[in-house]
Amino acid sequence: MIEESEALEKLLKSTPLPVKRNVPVSESVGCFLMSDARAKINLPQVCQSGVDGYAVKASDCEGNLEKLSVVGESVAGAACDVSIDCGEAFRVFTGSQIPMGSNAVVMQEDVIVLPNGLISINAKVSPNDYVRRVGEVLLEGQKISNQGSSVKASTLGALIAGGISEVSVGSFPSIGIITTGDELINFGQIQIKRHQVYDCNGLMLKAAVSKVGVEKIEITRTRDDLREISSEFIEMKKWADIILVVGGISVGNRDYVKEALTKCGVNEIFWRLRIKPGKPMYYGSYGENGQVFGLPGNSVSAFVCFHLFVLPAIRLRAGAAEEGLNLNKLTAQMNSHFQNKTDRPHYVCGKINGGKFEPIGNQRSNNLLALSQSDSLLKVNPNSSIEPGELVDLYHLSY
């Protein structure tokens, strides 16, 4: 067995570099940038009003109900190439360009409209009040997002506002999933017998992969048969960048996955980890850039190993920065006592409620119900315990 940290180091060192591609910015959400994104224009490009009101010279408004003459109007989306003089005001609206010569905007709530095109200012006005200056949000050339960062919906808005129409991103890998087990049957196809199990792991992992990002994904299932596992792997490695083989990776008499992968020419990088759950996990490489993960058949083990190891590999291949490879971390108070009596770090499933973390269920590696009700993982060190009220770092499960 090897330690989790050593396994992760070996994994990241052996993960291929990302493949760059250019995409329209509208298609970039969820991708990782391969270079810094910088604004091509100022935002705003002209001085604008931040409210509905009147553009004025601040020196004309000392708070003594000064009267000004309204000499025009500016609306959003229209150019305003005029200038105002002392004693004049210009009707403006949120987002509209203010005229030259003005340096402040008075909210319409602070204005008394008088006859004959006059207004009275009922407020003390300072320069730059409610004015959006050129480039105050973005300056041309200003960095919007760093290389390796994920494009979120809000990032997309900033990129478009900054005049960026195309970005360079990393390509997501194609992923194949092979589930193994004589006991497995497809959900909904036939009447289940009491000695059988629905193949939930395949679709669960497919859903997790799809949330991370994937170019292509397919699932197949085999019996616990050396030739069948080998045959499916050989077919899948023709197109898949990453292959997940679920089940059959331990040391039982009918655990054939490791033997099958060896026969298929896979270069074993590590097998069996000092973690709980997930001890039997396997990792190797094939071809020039292929990666294969042998995940335990118990659902909780497979899910935990996916997030600890497969997730970083997918993100690294897609161009993510080092700090964005793993699950997001949260801090909460422990709600109850938990003791790890083993010599392996234990990843505990649980839920945060009111800022407190509560482990769910018996923490067995097959307790899919507890996993489904959890939103976080807590790492408890070997032969240690955590008491109620202690602050703990958690890994957030967002899908």
Protein backbone atom coordinates (compact mmCIF):
# COMPACT_ATOMS: atom_id res chain seq x y z
CA MET A 1 0.00 0.00 0.00
CA ILE A 2 1.09 3.56 -0.63
CA GLU A 3 0.04 6.79 1.06
CA GLU A 4 -2.60 9.01 -0.48
CA SER A 5 -0.15 11.89 -0.96
CA GLU A 6 2.36 9.69 -2.80
CA ALA A 7 -0.38 8.27 -5.00
CA LEU A 8 -1.64 11.74 -5.90
CA GLU A 9 1.89 12.90 -6.70
CA LYS A 10 2.42 9.93 -9.03
CA LEU A 11 -0.94 10.57 -10.65
CA LEU A 12 -0.32 14.24 -11.38
CA LYS A 13 3.20 13.59 -12.70
CA SER A 14 1.88 11.02 -15.15
CA THR A 15 -1.15 13.02 -16.33
CA PRO A 16 -0.71 14.36 -19.90
CA LEU A 17 -0.52 18.07 -20.58
CA PRO A 18 -3.73 19.74 -21.74
CA VAL A 19 -4.58 20.04 -25.41
CA LYS A 20 -5.40 23.62 -26.38
CA ARG A 21 -8.37 24.65 -28.52
CA ASN A 22 -9.99 27.96 -29.39
CA VAL A 23 -13.73 28.29 -28.83
CA PRO A 24 -16.30 31.08 -29.10
CA VAL A 25 -16.57 32.74 -25.71
CA SER A 26 -20.24 31.77 -25.57
CA GLU A 27 -19.19 28.09 -25.49
CA SER A 28 -16.49 28.45 -22.83
CA VAL A 29 -18.49 28.09 -19.58
CA GLY A 30 -17.09 25.20 -17.55
CA CYS A 31 -13.80 25.17 -19.47
CA PHE A 32 -10.39 26.15 -18.12
CA LEU A 33 -8.51 29.04 -19.72
CA MET A 34 -5.16 28.25 -21.34
CA SER A 35 -4.00 31.88 -21.16
CA ASP A 36 -4.87 35.02 -19.24
CA ALA A 37 -7.99 36.75 -20.57
CA ARG A 38 -7.57 40.52 -20.93
CA ALA A 39 -10.13 43.18 -21.82
CA LYS A 40 -10.01 44.52 -25.37
CA ILE A 41 -12.04 47.63 -24.58
CA ASN A 42 -12.73 49.95 -21.66
CA LEU A 43 -15.89 49.39 -19.62
CA PRO A 44 -17.62 51.74 -19.73
CA GLN A 45 -16.22 53.36 -22.86
CA VAL A 46 -17.76 56.74 -22.03
CA CYS A 47 -18.70 58.48 -18.80
CA GLN A 48 -22.17 57.29 -17.82
CA SER A 49 -24.84 58.08 -15.30
CA GLY A 50 -25.33 55.56 -12.51
CA VAL A 51 -28.91 56.69 -11.77
CA ASP A 52 -31.90 58.40 -13.34
CA GLY A 53 -31.46 62.12 -12.76
CA TYR A 54 -29.66 65.19 -14.06
CA ALA A 55 -26.04 65.69 -15.12
CA VAL A 56 -24.64 68.91 -13.68
CA LYS A 57 -21.52 70.80 -12.76
CA ALA A 58 -20.97 70.07 -9.05
CA SER A 59 -19.88 73.66 -8.48
CA ASP A 60 -23.42 74.78 -9.44
CA CYS A 61 -24.98 72.77 -6.62
CA GLU A 62 -24.16 73.92 -3.10
CA GLY A 63 -27.38 72.65 -1.53
CA ASN A 64 -29.16 76.01 -1.53
CA LEU A 65 -31.97 75.13 -3.94
CA GLU A 66 -30.04 76.45 -6.92
CA LYS A 67 -32.03 76.70 -10.13
CA LEU A 68 -30.62 75.21 -13.32
CA SER A 69 -31.84 75.21 -16.89
CA VAL A 70 -32.41 71.77 -18.47
CA VAL A 71 -30.89 71.98 -21.97
CA GLY A 72 -31.22 68.40 -23.24
CA GLU A 73 -31.66 64.71 -22.61
CA SER A 74 -29.42 61.63 -22.98
CA VAL A 75 -30.70 58.04 -23.09
CA ALA A 76 -28.82 54.75 -22.83
CA GLY A 77 -27.49 53.53 -26.16
CA ALA A 78 -27.36 56.97 -27.78
CA ALA A 79 -24.26 59.12 -28.23
CA CYS A 80 -24.15 62.42 -26.36
CA ASP A 81 -21.62 64.72 -27.99
CA VAL A 82 -22.76 68.00 -26.48
CA SER A 83 -21.43 70.12 -23.63
CA ILE A 84 -23.12 72.02 -20.82
CA ASP A 85 -22.16 75.37 -19.35
CA CYS A 86 -22.50 76.80 -15.86
CA GLY A 87 -26.11 77.01 -14.75
CA GLU A 88 -27.21 74.18 -17.06
CA ALA A 89 -28.33 70.60 -16.47
CA PHE A 90 -28.94 67.60 -18.72
CA ARG A 91 -31.62 64.94 -18.18
CA VAL A 92 -29.94 61.51 -17.97
CA PHE A 93 -30.89 57.93 -17.21
CA THR A 94 -29.06 54.92 -15.78
CA GLY A 95 -26.39 53.88 -18.28
CA SER A 96 -26.73 56.93 -20.51
CA GLN A 97 -23.73 59.02 -21.51
CA ILE A 98 -23.34 62.29 -19.63
CA PRO A 99 -22.49 65.45 -21.58
CA MET A 100 -19.08 67.05 -21.63
CA GLY A 101 -18.66 69.73 -19.00
CA SER A 102 -20.70 67.82 -16.40
CA ASN A 103 -18.91 66.05 -13.54
CA ALA A 104 -21.76 64.81 -11.34
CA VAL A 105 -25.29 63.45 -11.48
CA VAL A 106 -28.13 64.42 -9.15
CA MET A 107 -30.73 61.74 -8.43
CA GLN A 108 -34.17 62.73 -9.64
CA GLU A 109 -35.43 62.26 -6.07
CA ASP A 110 -33.30 65.28 -5.07
CA VAL A 111 -34.64 67.49 -7.84
CA ILE A 112 -37.70 69.75 -7.92
CA VAL A 113 -39.04 70.21 -11.44
CA LEU A 114 -40.11 73.82 -12.09
CA PRO A 115 -41.94 75.45 -15.01
CA ASN A 116 -40.14 76.75 -18.09
CA GLY A 117 -37.52 73.99 -18.24
CA LEU A 118 -35.98 74.76 -14.88
CA ILE A 119 -35.09 72.50 -11.96
CA SER A 120 -34.14 73.18 -8.37
CA ILE A 121 -31.44 71.05 -6.71
CA ASN A 122 -32.32 70.00 -3.17
CA ALA A 123 -28.98 68.37 -2.29
CA LYS A 124 -25.29 69.05 -1.80
CA VAL A 125 -23.49 67.65 -4.85
CA SER A 126 -19.84 66.58 -5.03
CA PRO A 127 -17.74 65.84 -8.13
CA ASN A 128 -18.18 62.26 -9.44
CA ASP A 129 -21.45 61.66 -7.60
CA TYR A 130 -23.29 58.85 -9.45
CA VAL A 131 -20.89 59.03 -12.39
CA ARG A 132 -19.44 55.89 -13.96
CA ARG A 133 -16.01 56.88 -15.24
CA VAL A 134 -14.37 55.49 -18.38
CA GLY A 135 -12.72 52.16 -17.57
CA GLU A 136 -13.81 52.08 -13.92
CA VAL A 137 -15.01 48.48 -14.33
CA LEU A 138 -12.46 47.33 -16.91
CA LEU A 139 -9.52 49.04 -18.53
CA GLU A 140 -8.34 47.95 -21.95
CA GLY A 141 -5.65 45.31 -21.34
CA GLN A 142 -6.78 44.61 -17.76
CA LYS A 143 -6.76 40.96 -16.73
CA ILE A 144 -10.25 39.52 -16.37
CA SER A 145 -9.39 35.92 -15.54
CA ASN A 146 -6.18 33.94 -14.96
CA GLN A 147 -4.80 31.08 -16.98
CA GLY A 148 -6.05 27.83 -15.47
CA SER A 149 -9.22 29.31 -13.99
CA SER A 150 -12.67 27.96 -14.76
CA VAL A 151 -15.04 30.06 -16.83
CA LYS A 152 -18.18 30.59 -14.75
CA ALA A 153 -21.38 32.25 -15.90
CA SER A 154 -20.24 35.50 -14.26
CA THR A 155 -16.83 35.17 -15.94
CA LEU A 156 -18.60 34.84 -19.28
CA GLY A 157 -20.39 38.11 -18.65
CA ALA A 158 -17.12 39.92 -17.90
CA LEU A 159 -15.39 38.42 -20.95
CA ILE A 160 -18.17 39.52 -23.28
CA ALA A 161 -18.35 42.98 -21.69
CA GLY A 162 -14.59 43.26 -22.19
CA GLY A 163 -14.94 42.68 -25.92
CA ILE A 164 -13.57 39.13 -26.00
CA SER A 165 -15.20 36.94 -28.65
CA GLU A 166 -12.93 33.87 -28.52
CA VAL A 167 -10.81 32.20 -25.82
CA SER A 168 -8.22 29.44 -25.67
CA VAL A 169 -9.26 26.57 -23.39
CA GLY A 170 -8.12 23.06 -22.56
CA SER A 171 -9.88 20.08 -24.14
CA PHE A 172 -11.79 17.74 -21.87
CA PRO A 173 -10.90 14.05 -22.21
CA SER A 174 -13.01 11.27 -23.67
CA ILE A 175 -13.90 8.82 -20.90
CA GLY A 176 -15.02 5.21 -20.92
CA ILE A 177 -16.55 3.38 -17.97
CA ILE A 178 -16.50 -0.41 -17.59
CA THR A 179 -18.52 -1.85 -14.71
CA THR A 180 -17.80 -5.46 -13.78
CA GLY A 181 -19.73 -8.08 -11.83
CA ASP A 182 -21.83 -11.20 -12.40
CA GLU A 183 -24.42 -9.79 -10.02
CA LEU A 184 -25.05 -6.60 -12.02
CA ILE A 185 -28.04 -5.99 -14.27
CA ASN A 186 -29.16 -2.92 -16.21
CA PHE A 187 -31.79 -0.86 -14.46
CA GLY A 188 -35.28 -1.30 -15.90
CA GLN A 189 -34.44 -4.00 -18.45
CA ILE A 190 -35.51 -7.16 -16.62
CA GLN A 191 -37.13 -8.15 -13.36
CA ILE A 192 -34.45 -8.10 -10.67
CA LYS A 193 -33.82 -11.27 -8.67
CA ARG A 194 -32.84 -11.26 -5.03
CA HIS A 195 -29.23 -12.23 -5.72
CA GLN A 196 -28.81 -9.42 -8.27
CA VAL A 197 -27.93 -5.73 -8.03
CA TYR A 198 -28.81 -2.84 -10.31
CA ASP A 199 -25.70 -1.37 -11.95
CA CYS A 200 -25.88 2.02 -10.22
CA ASN A 201 -22.15 2.77 -10.23
CA GLY A 202 -21.89 3.27 -13.97
CA LEU A 203 -24.58 5.92 -14.23
CA MET A 204 -23.51 7.54 -10.94
CA LEU A 205 -19.97 7.98 -12.24
CA LYS A 206 -21.19 9.09 -15.65
CA ALA A 207 -23.23 11.82 -13.96
CA ALA A 208 -20.21 12.92 -11.90
CA VAL A 209 -17.96 12.95 -14.98
CA SER A 210 -20.51 14.96 -16.95
CA LYS A 211 -20.58 17.62 -14.24
CA VAL A 212 -16.78 17.93 -14.35
CA GLY A 213 -16.61 18.07 -18.14
CA VAL A 214 -16.10 15.45 -20.83
CA GLU A 215 -15.72 15.31 -24.61
CA LYS A 216 -17.31 11.86 -25.00
CA ILE A 217 -18.45 9.25 -22.50
CA GLU A 218 -19.66 5.66 -22.84
CA ILE A 219 -20.53 2.90 -20.37
CA THR A 220 -20.29 -0.84 -20.84
CA ARG A 221 -20.67 -3.76 -18.45
CA THR A 222 -18.94 -7.13 -18.22
CA ARG A 223 -19.21 -10.29 -16.17
CA ASP A 224 -16.42 -11.34 -13.83
CA ASP A 225 -14.55 -12.87 -16.72
CA LEU A 226 -10.89 -12.27 -17.63
CA ARG A 227 -11.39 -12.49 -21.39
CA GLU A 228 -14.51 -10.34 -21.38
CA ILE A 229 -12.90 -7.60 -19.29
CA SER A 230 -9.79 -7.66 -21.49
CA SER A 231 -11.85 -7.51 -24.68
CA GLU A 232 -13.92 -4.52 -23.54
CA PHE A 233 -10.81 -2.67 -22.37
CA ILE A 234 -9.02 -3.25 -25.70
CA GLU A 235 -12.01 -1.84 -27.61
CA MET A 236 -12.44 1.13 -25.29
CA LYS A 237 -8.80 2.21 -25.27
CA LYS A 238 -9.01 2.80 -29.04
CA TRP A 239 -10.82 6.08 -28.37
CA ALA A 240 -10.86 6.80 -24.62
CA ASP A 241 -8.32 9.08 -22.95
CA ILE A 242 -9.37 7.86 -19.50
CA ILE A 243 -10.98 4.52 -18.63
CA LEU A 244 -12.67 3.79 -15.31
CA VAL A 245 -12.99 0.08 -14.51
CA VAL A 246 -15.35 -0.40 -11.57
CA GLY A 247 -15.20 -3.50 -9.37
CA GLY A 248 -13.04 -6.61 -9.51
CA ILE A 249 -9.87 -4.79 -8.44
CA SER A 250 -9.32 -6.35 -5.00
CA VAL A 251 -7.77 -9.74 -4.16
CA GLY A 252 -10.78 -12.06 -4.39
CA ASN A 253 -10.82 -15.25 -6.44
CA ARG A 254 -13.00 -13.57 -9.08
CA ASP A 255 -11.27 -10.18 -9.12
CA TYR A 256 -9.78 -10.23 -12.62
CA VAL A 257 -9.37 -6.54 -13.45
CA LYS A 258 -5.74 -6.14 -12.44
CA GLU A 259 -4.75 -9.29 -14.34
CA ALA A 260 -6.73 -8.17 -17.38
CA LEU A 261 -5.10 -4.74 -17.42
CA THR A 262 -1.65 -6.29 -17.17
CA LYS A 263 -2.42 -8.63 -20.09
CA CYS A 264 -3.58 -5.61 -22.11
CA GLY A 265 -0.22 -3.86 -21.65
CA VAL A 266 -1.21 -1.33 -19.00
CA ASN A 267 1.71 0.15 -17.09
CA GLU A 268 0.78 -0.15 -13.41
CA ILE A 269 1.69 2.99 -11.45
CA PHE A 270 0.11 2.14 -8.11
CA TRP A 271 -2.32 -0.33 -6.56
CA ARG A 272 -3.86 -0.35 -3.07
CA LEU A 273 -3.98 2.85 -1.04
CA ARG A 274 -3.77 3.57 2.65
CA ILE A 275 -7.21 5.20 2.77
CA LYS A 276 -10.71 4.23 3.86
CA PRO A 277 -12.84 3.69 1.87
CA GLY A 278 -10.97 2.94 -1.35
CA LYS A 279 -8.10 0.70 -0.33
CA PRO A 280 -8.11 -1.51 -3.49
CA MET A 281 -7.85 1.38 -5.98
CA TYR A 282 -5.59 0.91 -9.01
CA TYR A 283 -4.01 3.41 -11.41
CA GLY A 284 -2.01 2.88 -14.58
CA SER A 285 -1.29 4.22 -18.05
CA TYR A 286 -1.63 2.91 -21.59
CA GLY A 287 -0.49 4.11 -25.00
CA GLU A 288 0.88 7.64 -25.27
CA ASN A 289 -1.65 9.49 -23.13
CA GLY A 290 -4.15 6.97 -21.77
CA GLN A 291 -4.99 6.67 -18.07
CA VAL A 292 -6.90 3.86 -16.39
CA PHE A 293 -8.38 3.85 -12.90
CA GLY A 294 -9.51 0.66 -11.21
CA LEU A 295 -12.19 1.78 -8.77
CA PRO A 296 -13.63 -0.40 -5.99
CA GLY A 297 -17.06 -1.89 -6.63
CA ASN A 298 -18.61 -0.56 -3.42
CA SER A 299 -20.41 2.65 -4.36
CA VAL A 300 -19.08 4.90 -1.59
CA SER A 301 -15.53 3.73 -2.25
CA ALA A 302 -15.89 4.36 -5.98
CA PHE A 303 -17.37 7.82 -5.40
CA VAL A 304 -14.69 8.86 -2.92
CA CYS A 305 -11.85 7.59 -5.13
CA PHE A 306 -13.35 9.36 -8.12
CA HIS A 307 -13.26 12.70 -6.31
CA LEU A 308 -9.82 12.23 -4.78
CA PHE A 309 -8.05 10.98 -7.91
CA VAL A 310 -10.07 10.93 -11.12
CA LEU A 311 -11.38 14.48 -10.68
CA PRO A 312 -7.87 16.04 -10.43
CA ALA A 313 -6.73 14.07 -13.50
CA ILE A 314 -9.66 15.27 -15.61
CA ARG A 315 -9.20 18.87 -14.53
CA LEU A 316 -5.44 18.80 -15.08
CA ARG A 317 -5.88 17.41 -18.58
CA ALA A 318 -8.41 20.17 -19.23
CA GLY A 319 -6.01 22.95 -18.20
CA ALA A 320 -6.98 23.69 -14.59
CA ALA A 321 -4.49 25.46 -12.34
CA GLU A 322 -3.00 23.42 -9.49
CA GLU A 323 -5.15 25.12 -6.86
CA GLY A 324 -8.30 24.21 -8.81
CA LEU A 325 -7.72 20.49 -9.21
CA ASN A 326 -9.39 19.19 -6.08
CA LEU A 327 -12.75 19.56 -4.38
CA ASN A 328 -13.51 22.92 -2.80
CA LYS A 329 -12.85 23.10 0.93
CA LEU A 330 -15.20 24.36 3.62
CA THR A 331 -14.87 24.83 7.37
CA ALA A 332 -17.53 23.83 9.89
CA GLN A 333 -17.94 22.77 13.50
CA MET A 334 -18.11 19.08 14.31
CA ASN A 335 -21.56 18.26 15.63
CA SER A 336 -20.80 14.89 17.23
CA HIS A 337 -17.96 12.63 18.31
CA PHE A 338 -16.24 10.54 15.63
CA GLN A 339 -13.36 8.13 16.15
CA ASN A 340 -11.16 6.50 13.53
CA LYS A 341 -9.71 3.34 15.05
CA THR A 342 -7.90 2.25 11.87
CA ASP A 343 -4.37 2.92 10.64
CA ARG A 344 -5.74 4.59 7.49
CA PRO A 345 -7.20 8.07 6.93
CA HIS A 346 -10.98 7.75 6.87
CA TYR A 347 -13.12 9.88 4.57
CA VAL A 348 -16.41 10.33 6.37
CA CYS A 349 -19.65 11.19 4.54
CA GLY A 350 -21.88 13.76 6.15
CA LYS A 351 -23.92 16.92 5.87
CA ILE A 352 -23.48 20.53 6.95
CA ASN A 353 -26.47 22.00 8.76
CA GLY A 354 -26.33 25.42 10.39
CA GLY A 355 -22.54 25.53 10.12
CA LYS A 356 -22.14 22.14 11.81
CA PHE A 357 -21.02 18.88 10.20
CA GLU A 358 -22.82 15.66 11.08
CA PRO A 359 -21.62 12.24 9.84
CA ILE A 360 -24.45 10.25 8.25
CA GLY A 361 -25.09 6.54 8.65
CA ASN A 362 -22.73 3.73 9.56
CA GLN A 363 -19.98 4.86 7.13
CA ARG A 364 -19.76 1.48 5.44
CA SER A 365 -18.41 1.51 1.91
CA ASN A 366 -21.69 0.21 0.46
CA ASN A 367 -23.99 2.73 2.20
CA LEU A 368 -25.21 4.51 -0.90
CA LEU A 369 -28.15 6.04 0.97
CA ALA A 370 -25.84 7.86 3.39
CA LEU A 371 -23.73 9.06 0.46
CA SER A 372 -26.82 10.37 -1.34
CA GLN A 373 -27.75 12.43 1.73
CA SER A 374 -24.25 13.87 2.16
CA ASP A 375 -22.81 17.12 0.86
CA SER A 376 -19.29 16.91 2.31
CA LEU A 377 -16.40 14.60 3.13
CA LEU A 378 -14.39 14.83 6.35
CA LYS A 379 -10.89 13.37 6.46
CA VAL A 380 -10.20 11.84 9.88
CA ASN A 381 -6.56 10.94 10.49
CA PRO A 382 -5.56 7.39 11.53
CA ASN A 383 -6.10 6.41 15.17
CA SER A 384 -7.62 9.74 16.10
CA SER A 385 -10.94 11.24 17.09
CA ILE A 386 -12.78 14.51 16.61
CA GLU A 387 -14.95 15.99 19.34
CA PRO A 388 -18.11 18.12 19.14
CA GLY A 389 -17.33 21.81 18.66
CA GLU A 390 -13.98 21.27 16.93
CA LEU A 391 -13.45 23.17 13.68
CA VAL A 392 -12.90 20.79 10.78
CA ASP A 393 -11.94 21.21 7.12
CA LEU A 394 -14.35 19.55 4.72
CA TYR A 395 -14.37 18.66 1.05
CA HIS A 396 -17.55 19.94 -0.57
CA LEU A 397 -19.46 17.49 -2.78
CA SER A 398 -21.29 19.70 -5.25
CA TYR A 399 -22.67 16.83 -7.35
